[in-house]
Amino acid sequence: MQTHNLKRLHKNKKDRLVGRGGKHAKTSGRGGKGQTARAGNKRRPELRDIIKKLPKLRGYQFNSIRKGVPVDEDKIVLVAGKKSFSETRKSLGIKGGKIVLK
């Protein structure tokens, strides 16, 4: 028997495709070279840096209690009639705030 007559028991494995994403192989789904391919690649979004530079509002601010808007009872009786609450607010020109009777 000569070397050119020898045959393998198992055929050759196919070559592994490299750099096509996936779980393993050369780049392991990291794409090419550079900053993004390195370990510990955590670049911050630019917007976060902008937010961090803005000044913080200091102290405790409880915004749910709003100042009342003083309104005469006579005005409410004249305007309200059979209108809904939101329509009466619009006709009186009150935007937000709590209505306080005088």
PDB file of N, CA and C in Angstrom:
ATOM      1  N   MET A   1       0.844  -1.167   0.000  1.00  0.00           N
ATOM      2  CA  MET A   1       0.000   0.000   0.000  1.00  0.00           C
ATOM      3  C   MET A   1       0.898   1.242   0.000  1.00  0.00           C
ATOM      4  N   GLN A   2       0.528   2.181  -0.821  1.00  0.00           N
ATOM      5  CA  GLN A   2       1.311   3.420  -0.923  1.00  0.00           C
ATOM      6  C   GLN A   2       0.481   4.597  -0.391  1.00  0.00           C
ATOM      7  N   THR A   3       1.144   5.723  -0.148  1.00  0.00           N
ATOM      8  CA  THR A   3       0.457   6.866   0.484  1.00  0.00           C
ATOM      9  C   THR A   3      -0.671   7.416  -0.378  1.00  0.00           C
ATOM     10  N   HIS A   4      -0.552   7.337  -1.704  1.00  0.00           N
ATOM     11  CA  HIS A   4      -1.620   7.894  -2.531  1.00  0.00           C
ATOM     12  C   HIS A   4      -2.851   6.973  -2.571  1.00  0.00           C
ATOM     13  N   ASN A   5      -2.752   5.768  -2.063  1.00  0.00           N
ATOM     14  CA  ASN A   5      -3.891   4.855  -2.016  1.00  0.00           C
ATOM     15  C   ASN A   5      -4.636   4.908  -0.676  1.00  0.00           C
ATOM     16  N   LEU A   6      -4.091   5.622   0.316  1.00  0.00           N
ATOM     17  CA  LEU A   6      -4.710   5.686   1.640  1.00  0.00           C
ATOM     18  C   LEU A   6      -6.009   6.503   1.599  1.00  0.00           C
ATOM     19  N   LYS A   7      -7.010   6.046   2.348  1.00  0.00           N
ATOM     20  CA  LYS A   7      -8.257   6.793   2.471  1.00  0.00           C
ATOM     21  C   LYS A   7      -8.584   6.980   3.950  1.00  0.00           C
ATOM     22  N   ARG A   8      -9.200   8.081   4.275  1.00  0.00           N
ATOM     23  CA  ARG A   8      -9.592   8.361   5.651  1.00  0.00           C
ATOM     24  C   ARG A   8     -10.831   7.549   6.033  1.00  0.00           C
ATOM     25  N   LEU A   9     -10.979   7.284   7.326  1.00  0.00           N
ATOM     26  CA  LEU A   9     -12.216   6.682   7.812  1.00  0.00           C
ATOM     27  C   LEU A   9     -13.346   7.720   7.823  1.00  0.00           C
ATOM     28  N   HIS A  10     -13.008   8.964   8.233  1.00  0.00           N
ATOM     29  CA  HIS A  10     -13.988  10.062   8.281  1.00  0.00           C
ATOM     30  C   HIS A  10     -13.565  11.116   7.273  1.00  0.00           C
ATOM     31  N   LYS A  11     -14.538  11.620   6.535  1.00  0.00           N
ATOM     32  CA  LYS A  11     -14.223  12.672   5.566  1.00  0.00           C
ATOM     33  C   LYS A  11     -13.798  13.944   6.294  1.00  0.00           C
ATOM     34  N   ASN A  12     -13.155  14.867   5.569  1.00  0.00           N
ATOM     35  CA  ASN A  12     -12.715  16.137   6.154  1.00  0.00           C
ATOM     36  C   ASN A  12     -13.913  16.959   6.644  1.00  0.00           C
ATOM     37  N   LYS A  13     -13.716  17.655   7.757  1.00  0.00           N
ATOM     38  CA  LYS A  13     -14.747  18.582   8.213  1.00  0.00           C
ATOM     39  C   LYS A  13     -14.763  19.770   7.270  1.00  0.00           C
ATOM     40  N   LYS A  14     -15.941  20.378   7.084  1.00  0.00           N
ATOM     41  CA  LYS A  14     -15.994  21.591   6.278  1.00  0.00           C
ATOM     42  C   LYS A  14     -15.383  22.731   7.077  1.00  0.00           C
ATOM     43  N   ASP A  15     -14.757  23.674   6.376  1.00  0.00           N
ATOM     44  CA  ASP A  15     -14.165  24.820   7.053  1.00  0.00           C
ATOM     45  C   ASP A  15     -15.269  25.658   7.682  1.00  0.00           C
ATOM     46  N   ARG A  16     -14.982  26.180   8.847  1.00  0.00           N
ATOM     47  CA  ARG A  16     -15.944  26.999   9.567  1.00  0.00           C
ATOM     48  C   ARG A  16     -16.016  28.373   8.921  1.00  0.00           C
ATOM     49  N   LEU A  17     -17.250  28.868   8.694  1.00  0.00           N
ATOM     50  CA  LEU A  17     -17.404  30.219   8.170  1.00  0.00           C
ATOM     51  C   LEU A  17     -17.048  31.199   9.289  1.00  0.00           C
ATOM     52  N   VAL A  18     -16.256  32.181   8.969  1.00  0.00           N
ATOM     53  CA  VAL A  18     -15.743  33.084   9.980  1.00  0.00           C
ATOM     54  C   VAL A  18     -16.293  34.483   9.757  1.00  0.00           C
ATOM     55  N   GLY A  19     -16.614  35.170  10.865  1.00  0.00           N
ATOM     56  CA  GLY A  19     -17.035  36.567  10.783  1.00  0.00           C
ATOM     57  C   GLY A  19     -18.433  36.746  10.249  1.00  0.00           C
ATOM     58  N   ARG A  20     -19.319  35.791  10.471  1.00  0.00           N
ATOM     59  CA  ARG A  20     -20.688  35.923   9.987  1.00  0.00           C
ATOM     60  C   ARG A  20     -21.655  36.092  11.152  1.00  0.00           C
ATOM     61  N   GLY A  21     -21.201  36.611  12.267  1.00  0.00           N
ATOM     62  CA  GLY A  21     -22.059  36.715  13.442  1.00  0.00           C
ATOM     63  C   GLY A  21     -22.096  35.390  14.157  1.00  0.00           C
ATOM     64  N   GLY A  22     -23.153  35.128  14.868  1.00  0.00           N
ATOM     65  CA  GLY A  22     -23.292  33.835  15.516  1.00  0.00           C
ATOM     66  C   GLY A  22     -22.645  33.783  16.880  1.00  0.00           C
ATOM     67  N   LYS A  23     -22.456  32.567  17.378  1.00  0.00           N
ATOM     68  CA  LYS A  23     -22.054  32.392  18.769  1.00  0.00           C
ATOM     69  C   LYS A  23     -20.548  32.256  18.963  1.00  0.00           C
ATOM     70  N   HIS A  24     -19.845  31.768  17.990  1.00  0.00           N
ATOM     71  CA  HIS A  24     -18.409  31.574  18.165  1.00  0.00           C
ATOM     72  C   HIS A  24     -17.714  31.792  16.836  1.00  0.00           C
ATOM     73  N   ALA A  25     -16.448  31.636  16.791  1.00  0.00           N
ATOM     74  CA  ALA A  25     -15.586  31.829  15.619  1.00  0.00           C
ATOM     75  C   ALA A  25     -14.804  33.118  15.782  1.00  0.00           C
ATOM     76  N   LYS A  26     -14.161  33.525  14.739  1.00  0.00           N
ATOM     77  CA  LYS A  26     -13.159  34.587  14.832  1.00  0.00           C
ATOM     78  C   LYS A  26     -13.661  35.856  15.528  1.00  0.00           C
ATOM     79  N   THR A  27     -14.599  36.559  14.929  1.00  0.00           N
ATOM     80  CA  THR A  27     -15.036  37.817  15.560  1.00  0.00           C
ATOM     81  C   THR A  27     -16.224  37.628  16.477  1.00  0.00           C
ATOM     82  N   SER A  28     -16.842  36.499  16.475  1.00  0.00           N
ATOM     83  CA  SER A  28     -17.953  36.168  17.372  1.00  0.00           C
ATOM     84  C   SER A  28     -19.076  37.196  17.329  1.00  0.00           C
ATOM     85  N   GLY A  29     -19.421  37.619  16.159  1.00  0.00           N
ATOM     86  CA  GLY A  29     -20.548  38.534  16.009  1.00  0.00           C
ATOM     87  C   GLY A  29     -20.253  39.954  16.403  1.00  0.00           C
ATOM     88  N   ARG A  30     -18.991  40.297  16.624  1.00  0.00           N
ATOM     89  CA  ARG A  30     -18.642  41.659  17.021  1.00  0.00           C
ATOM     90  C   ARG A  30     -18.319  42.544  15.826  1.00  0.00           C
ATOM     91  N   GLY A  31     -18.421  42.018  14.631  1.00  0.00           N
ATOM     92  CA  GLY A  31     -18.103  42.832  13.465  1.00  0.00           C
ATOM     93  C   GLY A  31     -16.613  42.912  13.246  1.00  0.00           C
ATOM     94  N   GLY A  32     -16.130  44.084  12.844  1.00  0.00           N
ATOM     95  CA  GLY A  32     -14.715  44.226  12.501  1.00  0.00           C
ATOM     96  C   GLY A  32     -13.874  44.637  13.689  1.00  0.00           C
ATOM     97  N   LYS A  33     -12.838  45.441  13.382  1.00  0.00           N
ATOM     98  CA  LYS A  33     -11.905  45.863  14.437  1.00  0.00           C
ATOM     99  C   LYS A  33     -12.403  47.146  15.095  1.00  0.00           C
ATOM    100  N   GLY A  34     -11.662  47.604  16.060  1.00  0.00           N
ATOM    101  CA  GLY A  34     -11.934  48.923  16.621  1.00  0.00           C
ATOM    102  C   GLY A  34     -12.568  48.895  17.987  1.00  0.00           C
ATOM    103  N   GLN A  35     -13.066  50.070  18.372  1.00  0.00           N
ATOM    104  CA  GLN A  35     -13.559  50.274  19.729  1.00  0.00           C
ATOM    105  C   GLN A  35     -14.733  49.353  20.053  1.00  0.00           C
ATOM    106  N   THR A  36     -15.613  49.138  19.087  1.00  0.00           N
ATOM    107  CA  THR A  36     -16.804  48.334  19.358  1.00  0.00           C
ATOM    108  C   THR A  36     -16.491  46.855  19.470  1.00  0.00           C
ATOM    109  N   ALA A  37     -15.358  46.419  18.944  1.00  0.00           N
ATOM    110  CA  ALA A  37     -15.010  45.004  18.988  1.00  0.00           C
ATOM    111  C   ALA A  37     -14.321  44.612  20.289  1.00  0.00           C
ATOM    112  N   ARG A  38     -13.887  45.599  21.055  1.00  0.00           N
ATOM    113  CA  ARG A  38     -13.119  45.326  22.269  1.00  0.00           C
ATOM    114  C   ARG A  38     -14.021  44.925  23.430  1.00  0.00           C
ATOM    115  N   ALA A  39     -13.421  44.267  24.400  1.00  0.00           N
ATOM    116  CA  ALA A  39     -14.152  43.921  25.620  1.00  0.00           C
ATOM    117  C   ALA A  39     -14.412  45.190  26.418  1.00  0.00           C
ATOM    118  N   GLY A  40     -15.525  45.238  27.101  1.00  0.00           N
ATOM    119  CA  GLY A  40     -15.858  46.407  27.911  1.00  0.00           C
ATOM    120  C   GLY A  40     -16.317  47.576  27.086  1.00  0.00           C
ATOM    121  N   ASN A  41     -16.858  47.308  25.907  1.00  0.00           N
ATOM    122  CA  ASN A  41     -17.319  48.387  25.040  1.00  0.00           C
ATOM    123  C   ASN A  41     -18.646  48.913  25.567  1.00  0.00           C
ATOM    124  N   LYS A  42     -18.567  49.988  26.350  1.00  0.00           N
ATOM    125  CA  LYS A  42     -19.789  50.624  26.838  1.00  0.00           C
ATOM    126  C   LYS A  42     -19.651  52.113  26.607  1.00  0.00           C
ATOM    127  N   ARG A  43     -20.040  52.549  25.439  1.00  0.00           N
ATOM    128  CA  ARG A  43     -19.979  53.978  25.150  1.00  0.00           C
ATOM    129  C   ARG A  43     -21.293  54.610  25.569  1.00  0.00           C
ATOM    130  N   ARG A  44     -21.208  55.751  26.267  1.00  0.00           N
ATOM    131  CA  ARG A  44     -22.427  56.393  26.756  1.00  0.00           C
ATOM    132  C   ARG A  44     -23.091  57.175  25.635  1.00  0.00           C
ATOM    133  N   PRO A  45     -24.430  57.204  25.626  1.00  0.00           N
ATOM    134  CA  PRO A  45     -25.103  58.043  24.641  1.00  0.00           C
ATOM    135  C   PRO A  45     -24.803  59.516  24.900  1.00  0.00           C
ATOM    136  N   GLU A  46     -24.717  60.299  23.854  1.00  0.00           N
ATOM    137  CA  GLU A  46     -24.346  61.696  23.981  1.00  0.00           C
ATOM    138  C   GLU A  46     -25.382  62.476  24.788  1.00  0.00           C
ATOM    139  N   LEU A  47     -26.644  62.064  24.664  1.00  0.00           N
ATOM    140  CA  LEU A  47     -27.714  62.770  25.364  1.00  0.00           C
ATOM    141  C   LEU A  47     -27.531  62.685  26.880  1.00  0.00           C
ATOM    142  N   ARG A  48     -26.998  61.569  27.368  1.00  0.00           N
ATOM    143  CA  ARG A  48     -26.809  61.411  28.814  1.00  0.00           C
ATOM    144  C   ARG A  48     -25.815  62.438  29.341  1.00  0.00           C
ATOM    145  N   ASP A  49     -24.742  62.705  28.566  1.00  0.00           N
ATOM    146  CA  ASP A  49     -23.768  63.702  28.990  1.00  0.00           C
ATOM    147  C   ASP A  49     -24.399  65.084  29.068  1.00  0.00           C
ATOM    148  N   ILE A  50     -25.282  65.378  28.116  1.00  0.00           N
ATOM    149  CA  ILE A  50     -25.964  66.675  28.110  1.00  0.00           C
ATOM    150  C   ILE A  50     -26.850  66.791  29.340  1.00  0.00           C
ATOM    151  N   ILE A  51     -27.580  65.713  29.669  1.00  0.00           N
ATOM    152  CA  ILE A  51     -28.473  65.722  30.831  1.00  0.00           C
ATOM    153  C   ILE A  51     -27.674  65.894  32.111  1.00  0.00           C
ATOM    154  N   LYS A  52     -26.509  65.243  32.194  1.00  0.00           N
ATOM    155  CA  LYS A  52     -25.695  65.326  33.412  1.00  0.00           C
ATOM    156  C   LYS A  52     -25.174  66.745  33.657  1.00  0.00           C
ATOM    157  N   LYS A  53     -24.984  67.531  32.596  1.00  0.00           N
ATOM    158  CA  LYS A  53     -24.455  68.879  32.741  1.00  0.00           C
ATOM    159  C   LYS A  53     -25.515  69.885  33.207  1.00  0.00           C
ATOM    160  N   LEU A  54     -26.799  69.527  33.061  1.00  0.00           N
ATOM    161  CA  LEU A  54     -27.860  70.449  33.460  1.00  0.00           C
ATOM    162  C   LEU A  54     -27.890  70.585  34.981  1.00  0.00           C
ATOM    163  N   PRO A  55     -28.198  71.791  35.487  1.00  0.00           N
ATOM    164  CA  PRO A  55     -28.242  71.973  36.934  1.00  0.00           C
ATOM    165  C   PRO A  55     -29.441  71.244  37.531  1.00  0.00           C
ATOM    166  N   LYS A  56     -29.240  70.696  38.739  1.00  0.00           N
ATOM    167  CA  LYS A  56     -30.328  69.988  39.413  1.00  0.00           C
ATOM    168  C   LYS A  56     -31.137  70.971  40.242  1.00  0.00           C
ATOM    169  N   LEU A  57     -32.415  70.670  40.389  1.00  0.00           N
ATOM    170  CA  LEU A  57     -33.258  71.482  41.260  1.00  0.00           C
ATOM    171  C   LEU A  57     -33.077  70.968  42.680  1.00  0.00           C
ATOM    172  N   ARG A  58     -32.626  71.832  43.554  1.00  0.00           N
ATOM    173  CA  ARG A  58     -32.351  71.417  44.923  1.00  0.00           C
ATOM    174  C   ARG A  58     -33.596  71.540  45.795  1.00  0.00           C
ATOM    175  N   GLY A  59     -33.644  70.745  46.825  1.00  0.00           N
ATOM    176  CA  GLY A  59     -34.731  70.843  47.791  1.00  0.00           C
ATOM    177  C   GLY A  59     -35.932  69.996  47.415  1.00  0.00           C
ATOM    178  N   TYR A  60     -36.884  69.951  48.335  1.00  0.00           N
ATOM    179  CA  TYR A  60     -38.085  69.130  48.175  1.00  0.00           C
ATOM    180  C   TYR A  60     -39.188  69.983  47.586  1.00  0.00           C
ATOM    181  N   GLN A  61     -39.767  69.553  46.480  1.00  0.00           N
ATOM    182  CA  GLN A  61     -40.818  70.320  45.832  1.00  0.00           C
ATOM    183  C   GLN A  61     -42.040  69.436  45.653  1.00  0.00           C
ATOM    184  N   PHE A  62     -43.082  69.761  46.370  1.00  0.00           N
ATOM    185  CA  PHE A  62     -44.311  68.980  46.321  1.00  0.00           C
ATOM    186  C   PHE A  62     -45.276  69.719  45.405  1.00  0.00           C
ATOM    187  N   ASN A  63     -45.374  69.267  44.160  1.00  0.00           N
ATOM    188  CA  ASN A  63     -46.110  70.027  43.151  1.00  0.00           C
ATOM    189  C   ASN A  63     -47.598  69.712  43.080  1.00  0.00           C
ATOM    190  N   SER A  64     -48.043  68.677  43.789  1.00  0.00           N
ATOM    191  CA  SER A  64     -49.439  68.303  43.630  1.00  0.00           C
ATOM    192  C   SER A  64     -50.380  69.298  44.310  1.00  0.00           C
ATOM    193  N   ILE A  65     -49.912  70.023  45.324  1.00  0.00           N
ATOM    194  CA  ILE A  65     -50.748  71.051  45.940  1.00  0.00           C
ATOM    195  C   ILE A  65     -50.512  72.353  45.185  1.00  0.00           C
ATOM    196  N   ARG A  66     -51.544  72.782  44.483  1.00  0.00           N
ATOM    197  CA  ARG A  66     -51.425  74.020  43.705  1.00  0.00           C
ATOM    198  C   ARG A  66     -52.133  75.151  44.436  1.00  0.00           C
ATOM    199  N   LYS A  67     -51.767  76.353  44.110  1.00  0.00           N
ATOM    200  CA  LYS A  67     -52.421  77.508  44.698  1.00  0.00           C
ATOM    201  C   LYS A  67     -53.818  77.644  44.094  1.00  0.00           C
ATOM    202  N   GLY A  68     -54.743  78.056  44.902  1.00  0.00           N
ATOM    203  CA  GLY A  68     -56.120  78.215  44.446  1.00  0.00           C
ATOM    204  C   GLY A  68     -56.309  79.472  43.626  1.00  0.00           C
ATOM    205  N   VAL A  69     -57.299  79.437  42.717  1.00  0.00           N
ATOM    206  CA  VAL A  69     -57.647  80.600  41.909  1.00  0.00           C
ATOM    207  C   VAL A  69     -58.940  81.171  42.479  1.00  0.00           C
ATOM    208  N   PRO A  70     -58.894  82.373  43.069  1.00  0.00           N
ATOM    209  CA  PRO A  70     -60.115  82.928  43.679  1.00  0.00           C
ATOM    210  C   PRO A  70     -61.123  83.363  42.611  1.00  0.00           C
ATOM    211  N   VAL A  71     -62.391  82.914  42.773  1.00  0.00           N
ATOM    212  CA  VAL A  71     -63.464  83.258  41.832  1.00  0.00           C
ATOM    213  C   VAL A  71     -64.714  83.605  42.644  1.00  0.00           C
ATOM    214  N   ASP A  72     -65.435  84.621  42.203  1.00  0.00           N
ATOM    215  CA  ASP A  72     -66.682  85.005  42.874  1.00  0.00           C
ATOM    216  C   ASP A  72     -67.768  83.978  42.618  1.00  0.00           C
ATOM    217  N   GLU A  73     -68.630  83.773  43.631  1.00  0.00           N
ATOM    218  CA  GLU A  73     -69.736  82.814  43.488  1.00  0.00           C
ATOM    219  C   GLU A  73     -70.708  83.279  42.411  1.00  0.00           C
ATOM    220  N   ASP A  74     -70.927  84.584  42.331  1.00  0.00           N
ATOM    221  CA  ASP A  74     -71.888  85.125  41.364  1.00  0.00           C
ATOM    222  C   ASP A  74     -71.478  84.781  39.933  1.00  0.00           C
ATOM    223  N   LYS A  75     -70.174  84.897  39.650  1.00  0.00           N
ATOM    224  CA  LYS A  75     -69.672  84.591  38.304  1.00  0.00           C
ATOM    225  C   LYS A  75     -69.919  83.133  37.951  1.00  0.00           C
ATOM    226  N   ILE A  76     -69.632  82.231  38.887  1.00  0.00           N
ATOM    227  CA  ILE A  76     -69.789  80.798  38.630  1.00  0.00           C
ATOM    228  C   ILE A  76     -71.254  80.469  38.371  1.00  0.00           C
ATOM    229  N   VAL A  77     -72.145  81.056  39.146  1.00  0.00           N
ATOM    230  CA  VAL A  77     -73.583  80.796  38.981  1.00  0.00           C
ATOM    231  C   VAL A  77     -74.058  81.295  37.623  1.00  0.00           C
ATOM    232  N   LEU A  78     -73.584  82.480  37.213  1.00  0.00           N
ATOM    233  CA  LEU A  78     -73.986  83.030  35.919  1.00  0.00           C
ATOM    234  C   LEU A  78     -73.478  82.187  34.751  1.00  0.00           C
ATOM    235  N   VAL A  79     -72.217  81.806  34.827  1.00  0.00           N
ATOM    236  CA  VAL A  79     -71.564  81.103  33.713  1.00  0.00           C
ATOM    237  C   VAL A  79     -71.956  79.636  33.658  1.00  0.00           C
ATOM    238  N   ALA A  80     -72.020  78.981  34.829  1.00  0.00           N
ATOM    239  CA  ALA A  80     -72.174  77.520  34.874  1.00  0.00           C
ATOM    240  C   ALA A  80     -73.453  77.049  34.202  1.00  0.00           C
ATOM    241  N   GLY A  81     -74.624  77.426  34.731  1.00  0.00           N
ATOM    242  CA  GLY A  81     -75.899  76.989  34.154  1.00  0.00           C
ATOM    243  C   GLY A  81     -75.948  75.491  33.977  1.00  0.00           C
ATOM    244  N   LYS A  82     -76.064  75.045  32.730  1.00  0.00           N
ATOM    245  CA  LYS A  82     -76.111  73.603  32.441  1.00  0.00           C
ATOM    246  C   LYS A  82     -74.852  73.130  31.697  1.00  0.00           C
ATOM    247  N   LYS A  83     -73.801  73.903  31.784  1.00  0.00           N
ATOM    248  CA  LYS A  83     -72.554  73.540  31.107  1.00  0.00           C
ATOM    249  C   LYS A  83     -71.781  72.517  31.940  1.00  0.00           C
ATOM    250  N   SER A  84     -70.839  71.835  31.275  1.00  0.00           N
ATOM    251  CA  SER A  84     -69.978  70.898  31.999  1.00  0.00           C
ATOM    252  C   SER A  84     -68.900  71.691  32.740  1.00  0.00           C
ATOM    253  N   PHE A  85     -68.202  71.003  33.633  1.00  0.00           N
ATOM    254  CA  PHE A  85     -67.192  71.650  34.463  1.00  0.00           C
ATOM    255  C   PHE A  85     -66.076  72.244  33.606  1.00  0.00           C
ATOM    256  N   SER A  86     -65.626  71.492  32.587  1.00  0.00           N
ATOM    257  CA  SER A  86     -64.529  71.983  31.745  1.00  0.00           C
ATOM    258  C   SER A  86     -64.943  73.206  30.932  1.00  0.00           C
ATOM    259  N   GLU A  87     -66.212  73.251  30.510  1.00  0.00           N
ATOM    260  CA  GLU A  87     -66.693  74.413  29.748  1.00  0.00           C
ATOM    261  C   GLU A  87     -66.765  75.658  30.623  1.00  0.00           C
ATOM    262  N   THR A  88     -67.167  75.472  31.876  1.00  0.00           N
ATOM    263  CA  THR A  88     -67.213  76.623  32.784  1.00  0.00           C
ATOM    264  C   THR A  88     -65.817  77.157  33.051  1.00  0.00           C
ATOM    265  N   ARG A  89     -64.846  76.262  33.196  1.00  0.00           N
ATOM    266  CA  ARG A  89     -63.451  76.694  33.387  1.00  0.00           C
ATOM    267  C   ARG A  89     -62.983  77.526  32.198  1.00  0.00           C
ATOM    268  N   LYS A  90     -63.297  77.045  30.985  1.00  0.00           N
ATOM    269  CA  LYS A  90     -62.870  77.764  29.775  1.00  0.00           C
ATOM    270  C   LYS A  90     -63.512  79.139  29.697  1.00  0.00           C
ATOM    271  N   SER A  91     -64.804  79.197  29.995  1.00  0.00           N
ATOM    272  CA  SER A  91     -65.500  80.484  29.895  1.00  0.00           C
ATOM    273  C   SER A  91     -65.014  81.476  30.959  1.00  0.00           C
ATOM    274  N   LEU A  92     -64.594  80.958  32.129  1.00  0.00           N
ATOM    275  CA  LEU A  92     -64.040  81.837  33.168  1.00  0.00           C
ATOM    276  C   LEU A  92     -62.581  82.182  32.902  1.00  0.00           C
ATOM    277  N   GLY A  93     -61.929  81.410  32.016  1.00  0.00           N
ATOM    278  CA  GLY A  93     -60.529  81.672  31.684  1.00  0.00           C
ATOM    279  C   GLY A  93     -59.569  81.151  32.736  1.00  0.00           C
ATOM    280  N   ILE A  94     -59.917  80.012  33.354  1.00  0.00           N
ATOM    281  CA  ILE A  94     -59.059  79.418  34.389  1.00  0.00           C
ATOM    282  C   ILE A  94     -58.325  78.233  33.785  1.00  0.00           C
ATOM    283  N   LYS A  95     -57.005  78.297  33.839  1.00  0.00           N
ATOM    284  CA  LYS A  95     -56.189  77.176  33.350  1.00  0.00           C
ATOM    285  C   LYS A  95     -55.523  76.531  34.537  1.00  0.00           C
ATOM    286  N   GLY A  96     -55.879  75.296  34.827  1.00  0.00           N
ATOM    287  CA  GLY A  96     -55.261  74.583  35.941  1.00  0.00           C
ATOM    288  C   GLY A  96     -55.577  75.260  37.265  1.00  0.00           C
ATOM    289  N   GLY A  97     -55.047  74.720  38.325  1.00  0.00           N
ATOM    290  CA  GLY A  97     -55.268  75.291  39.640  1.00  0.00           C
ATOM    291  C   GLY A  97     -56.618  74.919  40.223  1.00  0.00           C
ATOM    292  N   LYS A  98     -56.738  75.121  41.506  1.00  0.00           N
ATOM    293  CA  LYS A  98     -57.948  74.777  42.228  1.00  0.00           C
ATOM    294  C   LYS A  98     -58.815  76.033  42.306  1.00  0.00           C
ATOM    295  N   ILE A  99     -60.121  75.864  42.136  1.00  0.00           N
ATOM    296  CA  ILE A  99     -61.033  76.996  42.219  1.00  0.00           C
ATOM    297  C   ILE A  99     -61.413  77.197  43.680  1.00  0.00           C
ATOM    298  N   VAL A 100     -61.203  78.446  44.165  1.00  0.00           N
ATOM    299  CA  VAL A 100     -61.542  78.803  45.537  1.00  0.00           C
ATOM    300  C   VAL A 100     -62.607  79.902  45.484  1.00  0.00           C
ATOM    301  N   LEU A 101     -63.722  79.665  46.154  1.00  0.00           N
ATOM    302  CA  LEU A 101     -64.801  80.664  46.171  1.00  0.00           C
ATOM    303  C   LEU A 101     -64.464  81.797  47.122  1.00  0.00           C
ATOM    304  N   LYS A 102     -64.820  83.033  46.702  1.00  0.00           N
ATOM    305  CA  LYS A 102     -64.579  84.215  47.555  1.00  0.00           C
ATOM    306  C   LYS A 102     -65.718  84.394  48.502  1.00  0.00           C
TER     307      LYS A 102
END
